[in-house]
N, C-alpha and C. Protein backbone atom coordinates (compact mmCIF):
# COMPACT_ATOMS: atom_id res chain seq x y z
N UNK A 1 0.82 -1.19 0.00
CA UNK A 1 0.00 0.00 0.00
C UNK A 1 0.87 1.26 0.00
N UNK A 2 1.98 1.21 0.74
CA UNK A 2 2.85 2.39 0.80
C UNK A 2 3.49 2.68 -0.55
N UNK A 3 3.89 1.64 -1.28
CA UNK A 3 4.47 1.84 -2.61
C UNK A 3 3.45 2.44 -3.55
N UNK A 4 2.24 1.97 -3.47
CA UNK A 4 1.15 2.48 -4.29
C UNK A 4 0.89 3.95 -3.97
N UNK A 5 0.85 4.27 -2.70
CA UNK A 5 0.66 5.66 -2.28
C UNK A 5 1.80 6.56 -2.71
N UNK A 6 3.03 6.07 -2.60
CA UNK A 6 4.18 6.88 -3.01
C UNK A 6 4.11 7.16 -4.51
N UNK A 7 3.85 6.13 -5.29
CA UNK A 7 3.75 6.32 -6.75
C UNK A 7 2.65 7.30 -7.11
N UNK A 8 1.52 7.22 -6.43
CA UNK A 8 0.42 8.15 -6.67
C UNK A 8 0.84 9.57 -6.32
N UNK A 9 1.57 9.73 -5.24
CA UNK A 9 2.07 11.05 -4.86
C UNK A 9 3.06 11.60 -5.87
N UNK A 10 3.90 10.75 -6.43
CA UNK A 10 4.85 11.21 -7.46
C UNK A 10 4.08 11.70 -8.68
N UNK A 11 3.07 10.94 -9.10
CA UNK A 11 2.25 11.36 -10.25
C UNK A 11 1.58 12.70 -9.95
N UNK A 12 1.02 12.83 -8.75
CA UNK A 12 0.31 14.06 -8.38
C UNK A 12 1.25 15.26 -8.33
N UNK A 13 2.49 15.05 -7.97
CA UNK A 13 3.43 16.17 -7.85
C UNK A 13 4.16 16.48 -9.15
N UNK A 14 3.95 15.67 -10.17
CA UNK A 14 4.73 15.81 -11.41
C UNK A 14 4.37 17.04 -12.22
N UNK A 15 3.14 17.47 -12.16
CA UNK A 15 2.74 18.63 -12.97
C UNK A 15 2.99 18.38 -14.44
N UNK A 16 3.73 19.28 -15.08
CA UNK A 16 4.02 19.15 -16.52
C UNK A 16 5.28 18.35 -16.81
N UNK A 17 5.90 17.84 -15.79
CA UNK A 17 7.14 17.08 -15.95
C UNK A 17 6.80 15.65 -16.41
N UNK A 18 6.80 15.45 -17.74
CA UNK A 18 6.36 14.17 -18.29
C UNK A 18 7.21 12.98 -17.82
N UNK A 19 8.56 13.09 -17.83
CA UNK A 19 9.34 11.94 -17.32
C UNK A 19 8.98 11.58 -15.88
N UNK A 20 8.68 12.59 -15.07
CA UNK A 20 8.31 12.31 -13.68
C UNK A 20 6.93 11.65 -13.61
N UNK A 21 6.00 12.07 -14.48
CA UNK A 21 4.69 11.41 -14.52
C UNK A 21 4.83 9.95 -14.89
N UNK A 22 5.69 9.66 -15.88
CA UNK A 22 5.90 8.26 -16.28
C UNK A 22 6.54 7.48 -15.13
N UNK A 23 7.55 8.07 -14.49
CA UNK A 23 8.20 7.40 -13.35
C UNK A 23 7.17 7.12 -12.27
N UNK A 24 6.31 8.09 -11.98
CA UNK A 24 5.27 7.88 -10.97
C UNK A 24 4.30 6.78 -11.36
N UNK A 25 3.93 6.74 -12.63
CA UNK A 25 3.05 5.66 -13.10
C UNK A 25 3.69 4.30 -12.94
N UNK A 26 4.97 4.22 -13.23
CA UNK A 26 5.69 2.95 -13.05
C UNK A 26 5.77 2.58 -11.57
N UNK A 27 5.94 3.57 -10.71
CA UNK A 27 5.96 3.30 -9.27
C UNK A 27 4.59 2.84 -8.77
N UNK A 28 3.52 3.36 -9.38
CA UNK A 28 2.18 2.84 -9.07
C UNK A 28 2.11 1.37 -9.46
N UNK A 29 2.68 1.04 -10.62
CA UNK A 29 2.72 -0.36 -11.06
C UNK A 29 3.49 -1.24 -10.08
N UNK A 30 4.58 -0.71 -9.54
CA UNK A 30 5.34 -1.45 -8.52
C UNK A 30 4.45 -1.69 -7.31
N UNK A 31 3.68 -0.67 -6.92
CA UNK A 31 2.77 -0.82 -5.79
C UNK A 31 1.71 -1.89 -6.03
N UNK A 32 1.19 -1.94 -7.26
CA UNK A 32 0.21 -2.97 -7.60
C UNK A 32 0.86 -4.35 -7.53
N UNK A 33 2.06 -4.47 -8.10
CA UNK A 33 2.77 -5.75 -8.05
C UNK A 33 3.07 -6.15 -6.61
N UNK A 34 3.39 -5.18 -5.77
CA UNK A 34 3.65 -5.49 -4.36
C UNK A 34 2.39 -6.00 -3.65
N UNK A 35 1.22 -5.57 -4.12
CA UNK A 35 -0.02 -6.06 -3.52
C UNK A 35 -0.35 -7.47 -4.03
N UNK A 36 0.14 -7.82 -5.21
CA UNK A 36 -0.10 -9.16 -5.77
C UNK A 36 0.88 -10.17 -5.19
N UNK A 37 2.10 -9.75 -4.90
CA UNK A 37 3.16 -10.68 -4.52
C UNK A 37 2.85 -11.58 -3.32
N UNK A 38 2.07 -11.15 -2.32
CA UNK A 38 1.78 -12.10 -1.23
C UNK A 38 1.00 -13.34 -1.70
N UNK A 39 0.37 -13.24 -2.84
CA UNK A 39 -0.39 -14.37 -3.37
C UNK A 39 0.45 -15.26 -4.28
N UNK A 40 1.74 -14.95 -4.39
CA UNK A 40 2.66 -15.74 -5.21
C UNK A 40 3.88 -16.13 -4.39
N UNK A 41 3.67 -16.92 -3.33
CA UNK A 41 4.81 -17.25 -2.46
C UNK A 41 5.79 -18.20 -3.15
N UNK A 42 7.04 -18.05 -2.79
CA UNK A 42 8.09 -18.94 -3.27
C UNK A 42 8.29 -20.01 -2.20
N UNK A 43 8.40 -21.25 -2.63
CA UNK A 43 8.64 -22.34 -1.68
C UNK A 43 10.07 -22.30 -1.19
N UNK A 44 10.31 -22.94 -0.06
CA UNK A 44 11.65 -23.00 0.50
C UNK A 44 12.55 -23.86 -0.38
N UNK A 45 13.83 -23.69 -0.21
CA UNK A 45 14.78 -24.45 -1.02
C UNK A 45 14.63 -25.96 -0.81
N UNK A 46 14.27 -26.38 0.40
CA UNK A 46 14.10 -27.81 0.66
C UNK A 46 12.94 -28.37 -0.17
N UNK A 47 11.85 -27.63 -0.24
CA UNK A 47 10.68 -28.06 -1.00
C UNK A 47 11.02 -28.08 -2.49
N UNK A 48 11.70 -27.05 -2.97
CA UNK A 48 12.08 -26.99 -4.38
C UNK A 48 13.02 -28.14 -4.76
N UNK A 49 13.99 -28.43 -3.89
CA UNK A 49 14.94 -29.50 -4.17
C UNK A 49 14.26 -30.87 -4.21
N UNK A 50 13.20 -31.01 -3.45
CA UNK A 50 12.47 -32.27 -3.42
C UNK A 50 11.43 -32.36 -4.54
N UNK A 51 11.41 -31.35 -5.42
CA UNK A 51 10.47 -31.36 -6.53
C UNK A 51 9.07 -30.90 -6.15
N UNK A 52 8.94 -30.21 -5.04
CA UNK A 52 7.63 -29.79 -4.55
C UNK A 52 7.20 -28.41 -4.97
N UNK A 53 7.90 -27.82 -5.93
CA UNK A 53 7.51 -26.49 -6.39
C UNK A 53 6.16 -26.54 -7.11
N UNK A 54 5.47 -25.40 -7.11
CA UNK A 54 4.17 -25.31 -7.78
C UNK A 54 4.14 -24.08 -8.67
N UNK A 55 2.98 -23.80 -9.20
CA UNK A 55 2.81 -22.64 -10.06
C UNK A 55 3.06 -21.33 -9.36
N UNK A 56 2.91 -21.31 -8.04
CA UNK A 56 3.17 -20.06 -7.32
C UNK A 56 4.63 -19.64 -7.42
N UNK A 57 5.53 -20.62 -7.57
CA UNK A 57 6.95 -20.29 -7.72
C UNK A 57 7.19 -19.57 -9.04
N UNK A 58 6.56 -20.08 -10.10
CA UNK A 58 6.69 -19.42 -11.41
C UNK A 58 6.00 -18.06 -11.40
N UNK A 59 4.86 -17.98 -10.73
CA UNK A 59 4.16 -16.70 -10.63
C UNK A 59 5.00 -15.70 -9.84
N UNK A 60 5.68 -16.17 -8.80
CA UNK A 60 6.55 -15.30 -8.01
C UNK A 60 7.65 -14.70 -8.89
N UNK A 61 8.26 -15.53 -9.71
CA UNK A 61 9.32 -15.05 -10.60
C UNK A 61 8.77 -14.09 -11.65
N UNK A 62 7.55 -14.33 -12.13
CA UNK A 62 6.93 -13.42 -13.10
C UNK A 62 6.65 -12.06 -12.47
N UNK A 63 6.12 -12.06 -11.25
CA UNK A 63 5.85 -10.80 -10.55
C UNK A 63 7.17 -10.08 -10.26
N UNK A 64 8.19 -10.84 -9.88
CA UNK A 64 9.51 -10.26 -9.63
C UNK A 64 10.06 -9.61 -10.90
N UNK A 65 9.93 -10.29 -12.03
CA UNK A 65 10.42 -9.73 -13.29
C UNK A 65 9.66 -8.46 -13.66
N UNK A 66 8.34 -8.48 -13.52
CA UNK A 66 7.54 -7.30 -13.83
C UNK A 66 7.91 -6.13 -12.91
N UNK A 67 8.08 -6.43 -11.64
CA UNK A 67 8.46 -5.39 -10.68
C UNK A 67 9.82 -4.81 -11.00
N UNK A 68 10.78 -5.67 -11.33
CA UNK A 68 12.13 -5.20 -11.65
C UNK A 68 12.11 -4.30 -12.89
N UNK A 69 11.37 -4.68 -13.91
CA UNK A 69 11.27 -3.85 -15.12
C UNK A 69 10.64 -2.50 -14.81
N UNK A 70 9.61 -2.50 -13.96
CA UNK A 70 8.98 -1.23 -13.59
C UNK A 70 9.92 -0.35 -12.77
N UNK A 71 10.68 -0.96 -11.87
CA UNK A 71 11.64 -0.20 -11.07
C UNK A 71 12.72 0.39 -11.98
N UNK A 72 13.23 -0.41 -12.90
CA UNK A 72 14.25 0.08 -13.83
C UNK A 72 13.70 1.25 -14.64
N UNK A 73 12.48 1.12 -15.12
CA UNK A 73 11.86 2.22 -15.88
C UNK A 73 11.67 3.46 -15.04
N UNK A 74 11.20 3.27 -13.80
CA UNK A 74 11.00 4.41 -12.91
C UNK A 74 12.32 5.13 -12.64
N UNK A 75 13.38 4.36 -12.43
CA UNK A 75 14.69 4.98 -12.20
C UNK A 75 15.15 5.73 -13.44
N UNK A 76 14.94 5.14 -14.60
CA UNK A 76 15.35 5.79 -15.85
C UNK A 76 14.59 7.08 -16.10
N UNK A 77 13.27 7.03 -16.00
CA UNK A 77 12.47 8.24 -16.21
C UNK A 77 12.69 9.25 -15.10
N UNK A 78 12.87 8.75 -13.87
CA UNK A 78 13.17 9.66 -12.76
C UNK A 78 14.48 10.38 -13.00
N UNK A 79 15.46 9.68 -13.55
CA UNK A 79 16.75 10.30 -13.85
C UNK A 79 16.59 11.44 -14.86
N UNK A 80 15.68 11.25 -15.81
CA UNK A 80 15.45 12.27 -16.84
C UNK A 80 14.63 13.44 -16.32
N UNK A 81 13.98 13.27 -15.17
CA UNK A 81 13.06 14.29 -14.67
C UNK A 81 13.76 15.43 -13.94
N UNK A 82 14.98 15.18 -13.47
CA UNK A 82 15.66 16.19 -12.66
C UNK A 82 17.08 16.42 -13.19
N UNK A 83 17.84 17.21 -12.45
CA UNK A 83 19.15 17.64 -12.89
C UNK A 83 20.22 16.56 -12.90
N UNK A 84 21.42 17.02 -13.20
CA UNK A 84 22.56 16.14 -13.40
C UNK A 84 22.91 15.31 -12.16
N UNK A 85 22.84 15.90 -10.98
CA UNK A 85 23.20 15.15 -9.77
C UNK A 85 22.26 13.96 -9.54
N UNK A 86 20.95 14.20 -9.68
CA UNK A 86 20.00 13.11 -9.48
C UNK A 86 20.13 12.09 -10.61
N UNK A 87 20.43 12.56 -11.80
CA UNK A 87 20.63 11.63 -12.92
C UNK A 87 21.80 10.71 -12.66
N UNK A 88 22.91 11.25 -12.19
CA UNK A 88 24.08 10.43 -11.87
C UNK A 88 23.77 9.44 -10.75
N UNK A 89 23.09 9.93 -9.72
CA UNK A 89 22.71 9.07 -8.61
C UNK A 89 21.79 7.94 -9.10
N UNK A 90 20.84 8.27 -9.96
CA UNK A 90 19.90 7.27 -10.48
C UNK A 90 20.62 6.21 -11.31
N UNK A 91 21.54 6.64 -12.16
CA UNK A 91 22.29 5.69 -12.99
C UNK A 91 23.14 4.78 -12.09
N UNK A 92 23.82 5.36 -11.11
CA UNK A 92 24.63 4.55 -10.20
C UNK A 92 23.75 3.58 -9.42
N UNK A 93 22.58 4.03 -9.00
CA UNK A 93 21.66 3.16 -8.27
C UNK A 93 21.18 2.02 -9.16
N UNK A 94 20.83 2.35 -10.39
CA UNK A 94 20.34 1.34 -11.31
C UNK A 94 21.41 0.29 -11.60
N UNK A 95 22.62 0.73 -11.84
CA UNK A 95 23.71 -0.21 -12.11
C UNK A 95 23.97 -1.09 -10.89
N UNK A 96 24.01 -0.50 -9.71
CA UNK A 96 24.24 -1.27 -8.49
C UNK A 96 23.13 -2.28 -8.27
N UNK A 97 21.89 -1.84 -8.48
CA UNK A 97 20.75 -2.74 -8.31
C UNK A 97 20.83 -3.91 -9.29
N UNK A 98 21.18 -3.62 -10.54
CA UNK A 98 21.25 -4.68 -11.54
C UNK A 98 22.40 -5.65 -11.29
N UNK A 99 23.54 -5.14 -10.87
CA UNK A 99 24.66 -6.02 -10.57
C UNK A 99 24.31 -6.93 -9.38
N UNK A 100 23.77 -6.34 -8.32
CA UNK A 100 23.40 -7.15 -7.15
C UNK A 100 22.30 -8.15 -7.50
N UNK A 101 21.31 -7.71 -8.28
CA UNK A 101 20.25 -8.61 -8.70
C UNK A 101 20.77 -9.72 -9.60
N UNK A 102 21.69 -9.38 -10.48
CA UNK A 102 22.29 -10.39 -11.35
C UNK A 102 23.08 -11.42 -10.57
N UNK A 103 23.84 -10.95 -9.59
CA UNK A 103 24.58 -11.88 -8.73
C UNK A 103 23.63 -12.78 -7.96
N UNK A 104 22.54 -12.22 -7.51
CA UNK A 104 21.53 -13.02 -6.81
C UNK A 104 20.93 -14.07 -7.74
N UNK A 105 20.65 -13.68 -8.96
CA UNK A 105 20.04 -14.61 -9.93
C UNK A 105 20.97 -15.77 -10.27
N UNK A 106 22.29 -15.54 -10.22
CA UNK A 106 23.21 -16.64 -10.53
C UNK A 106 23.12 -17.77 -9.51
N UNK A 107 22.55 -17.50 -8.36
CA UNK A 107 22.46 -18.51 -7.32
C UNK A 107 21.12 -19.24 -7.32
N UNK A 108 20.24 -18.91 -8.28
CA UNK A 108 18.93 -19.53 -8.35
C UNK A 108 18.98 -21.05 -8.48
N UNK A 109 19.90 -21.55 -9.29
CA UNK A 109 20.04 -23.00 -9.45
C UNK A 109 20.47 -23.68 -8.18
N UNK A 110 21.35 -23.02 -7.43
CA UNK A 110 21.80 -23.59 -6.16
C UNK A 110 20.67 -23.61 -5.13
N UNK A 111 19.81 -22.61 -5.19
CA UNK A 111 18.67 -22.60 -4.27
C UNK A 111 17.76 -23.79 -4.58
N UNK A 112 17.47 -23.98 -5.88
CA UNK A 112 16.61 -25.08 -6.29
C UNK A 112 17.20 -26.44 -6.00
N UNK A 113 18.54 -26.53 -5.92
CA UNK A 113 19.21 -27.79 -5.61
C UNK A 113 19.54 -27.92 -4.13
N UNK A 114 19.11 -26.94 -3.33
CA UNK A 114 19.36 -26.92 -1.89
C UNK A 114 20.85 -26.93 -1.56
N UNK A 115 21.62 -26.21 -2.38
CA UNK A 115 23.05 -26.04 -2.13
C UNK A 115 23.27 -24.72 -1.40
N UNK A 116 24.42 -24.56 -0.78
CA UNK A 116 24.69 -23.32 -0.06
C UNK A 116 24.76 -22.11 -1.01
N UNK A 117 24.21 -21.01 -0.55
CA UNK A 117 24.28 -19.73 -1.28
C UNK A 117 24.67 -18.65 -0.26
N UNK A 118 25.93 -18.66 0.16
CA UNK A 118 26.33 -17.82 1.29
C UNK A 118 26.13 -16.33 1.07
N UNK A 119 26.21 -15.84 -0.15
CA UNK A 119 26.08 -14.41 -0.39
C UNK A 119 24.72 -14.03 -0.98
N UNK A 120 23.86 -15.00 -1.21
CA UNK A 120 22.57 -14.73 -1.86
C UNK A 120 21.75 -13.68 -1.14
N UNK A 121 21.65 -13.78 0.16
CA UNK A 121 20.87 -12.81 0.93
C UNK A 121 21.47 -11.42 0.87
N UNK A 122 22.79 -11.34 0.88
CA UNK A 122 23.45 -10.03 0.79
C UNK A 122 23.15 -9.39 -0.55
N UNK A 123 23.23 -10.18 -1.63
CA UNK A 123 22.94 -9.64 -2.97
C UNK A 123 21.50 -9.15 -3.07
N UNK A 124 20.56 -9.96 -2.58
CA UNK A 124 19.15 -9.57 -2.63
C UNK A 124 18.90 -8.30 -1.83
N UNK A 125 19.42 -8.25 -0.62
CA UNK A 125 19.18 -7.08 0.24
C UNK A 125 19.85 -5.83 -0.33
N UNK A 126 21.00 -6.00 -0.97
CA UNK A 126 21.66 -4.86 -1.60
C UNK A 126 20.80 -4.31 -2.72
N UNK A 127 20.29 -5.20 -3.56
CA UNK A 127 19.45 -4.78 -4.68
C UNK A 127 18.20 -4.05 -4.18
N UNK A 128 17.54 -4.61 -3.20
CA UNK A 128 16.33 -4.00 -2.65
C UNK A 128 16.67 -2.70 -1.92
N UNK A 129 17.74 -2.71 -1.15
CA UNK A 129 18.13 -1.53 -0.39
C UNK A 129 18.48 -0.35 -1.28
N UNK A 130 19.14 -0.61 -2.39
CA UNK A 130 19.49 0.48 -3.31
C UNK A 130 18.22 1.09 -3.88
N UNK A 131 17.25 0.26 -4.22
CA UNK A 131 15.97 0.79 -4.73
C UNK A 131 15.27 1.63 -3.66
N UNK A 132 15.24 1.16 -2.43
CA UNK A 132 14.60 1.92 -1.36
C UNK A 132 15.33 3.24 -1.10
N UNK A 133 16.66 3.21 -1.17
CA UNK A 133 17.43 4.45 -1.03
C UNK A 133 17.09 5.41 -2.16
N UNK A 134 17.00 4.89 -3.39
CA UNK A 134 16.65 5.74 -4.54
C UNK A 134 15.29 6.39 -4.33
N UNK A 135 14.31 5.62 -3.83
CA UNK A 135 12.99 6.21 -3.58
C UNK A 135 13.07 7.29 -2.51
N UNK A 136 13.88 7.09 -1.50
CA UNK A 136 14.04 8.09 -0.44
C UNK A 136 14.64 9.37 -0.98
N UNK A 137 15.66 9.23 -1.81
CA UNK A 137 16.29 10.42 -2.40
C UNK A 137 15.31 11.11 -3.35
N UNK A 138 14.54 10.33 -4.11
CA UNK A 138 13.52 10.93 -4.97
C UNK A 138 12.53 11.73 -4.14
N UNK A 139 12.12 11.20 -3.00
CA UNK A 139 11.19 11.92 -2.13
C UNK A 139 11.79 13.24 -1.66
N UNK A 140 13.06 13.24 -1.31
CA UNK A 140 13.72 14.48 -0.87
C UNK A 140 13.79 15.47 -2.02
N UNK A 141 14.14 15.00 -3.21
CA UNK A 141 14.21 15.88 -4.39
C UNK A 141 12.84 16.49 -4.67
N UNK A 142 11.79 15.68 -4.56
CA UNK A 142 10.43 16.19 -4.79
C UNK A 142 10.04 17.21 -3.72
N UNK A 143 10.40 16.94 -2.47
CA UNK A 143 10.08 17.90 -1.40
C UNK A 143 10.81 19.22 -1.61
N UNK A 144 12.06 19.14 -1.99
CA UNK A 144 12.81 20.37 -2.25
C UNK A 144 12.24 21.12 -3.43
N UNK A 145 11.85 20.41 -4.48
CA UNK A 145 11.27 21.06 -5.66
C UNK A 145 9.94 21.72 -5.30
N UNK A 146 9.14 21.08 -4.45
CA UNK A 146 7.85 21.68 -4.07
C UNK A 146 8.07 22.90 -3.19
N UNK A 147 9.10 22.90 -2.37
CA UNK A 147 9.42 24.05 -1.54
C UNK A 147 9.83 25.25 -2.36
N UNK A 148 10.61 25.02 -3.43
CA UNK A 148 11.01 26.11 -4.32
C UNK A 148 9.81 26.67 -5.04
N UNK A 149 8.93 25.79 -5.49
CA UNK A 149 7.75 26.25 -6.23
C UNK A 149 6.85 27.09 -5.33
N UNK A 150 6.68 26.67 -4.08
CA UNK A 150 5.83 27.40 -3.17
C UNK A 150 6.44 28.73 -2.78
N UNK A 151 7.76 28.77 -2.60
CA UNK A 151 8.39 30.01 -2.17
C UNK A 151 8.39 31.06 -3.28
N UNK A 152 8.34 30.63 -4.53
CA UNK A 152 8.30 31.57 -5.65
C UNK A 152 6.88 32.06 -5.91
N UNK A 153 5.90 31.29 -5.51
CA UNK A 153 4.51 31.56 -5.86
C UNK A 153 3.98 32.86 -5.29
N UNK A 154 3.21 32.82 -4.22
CA UNK A 154 2.54 34.02 -3.69
C UNK A 154 3.50 35.11 -3.25
N UNK A 155 4.65 34.74 -2.73
CA UNK A 155 5.60 35.76 -2.23
C UNK A 155 6.20 36.57 -3.37
N UNK A 156 6.28 35.97 -4.57
CA UNK A 156 6.87 36.69 -5.71
C UNK A 156 5.89 37.73 -6.15
């Protein structure tokens, strides 16, 4: 619900900034996917290794893929919505998220075979954490932009 609300707030604050409107729409999509994901649980590695996986595992991966694409798009359009500093931060965040996510994905076979994946959790948390940090910085950028707009308005 919070992701959905944040995306809606980004859209509402975008005004004529088209890249920001698109980024906000994609963040709304992330919020929708986050509301669907509890209904697509992934089985534990022990169950998967024993051949006990079901359609929810495939659905989980599909929702994950859709969410990742929406996050990547939101970061890309968000980067285009503001100045050079936020653009650089967004690109660095996107690259870090993709590298960590890619490293996590390389361990998928080991999870399914119930083999050790000592760094898997670190890779996943890094990928997710970078996205959450990016959203936090976007919120600060939006708050600062709204403060400038308000201070120029009636007082000018």
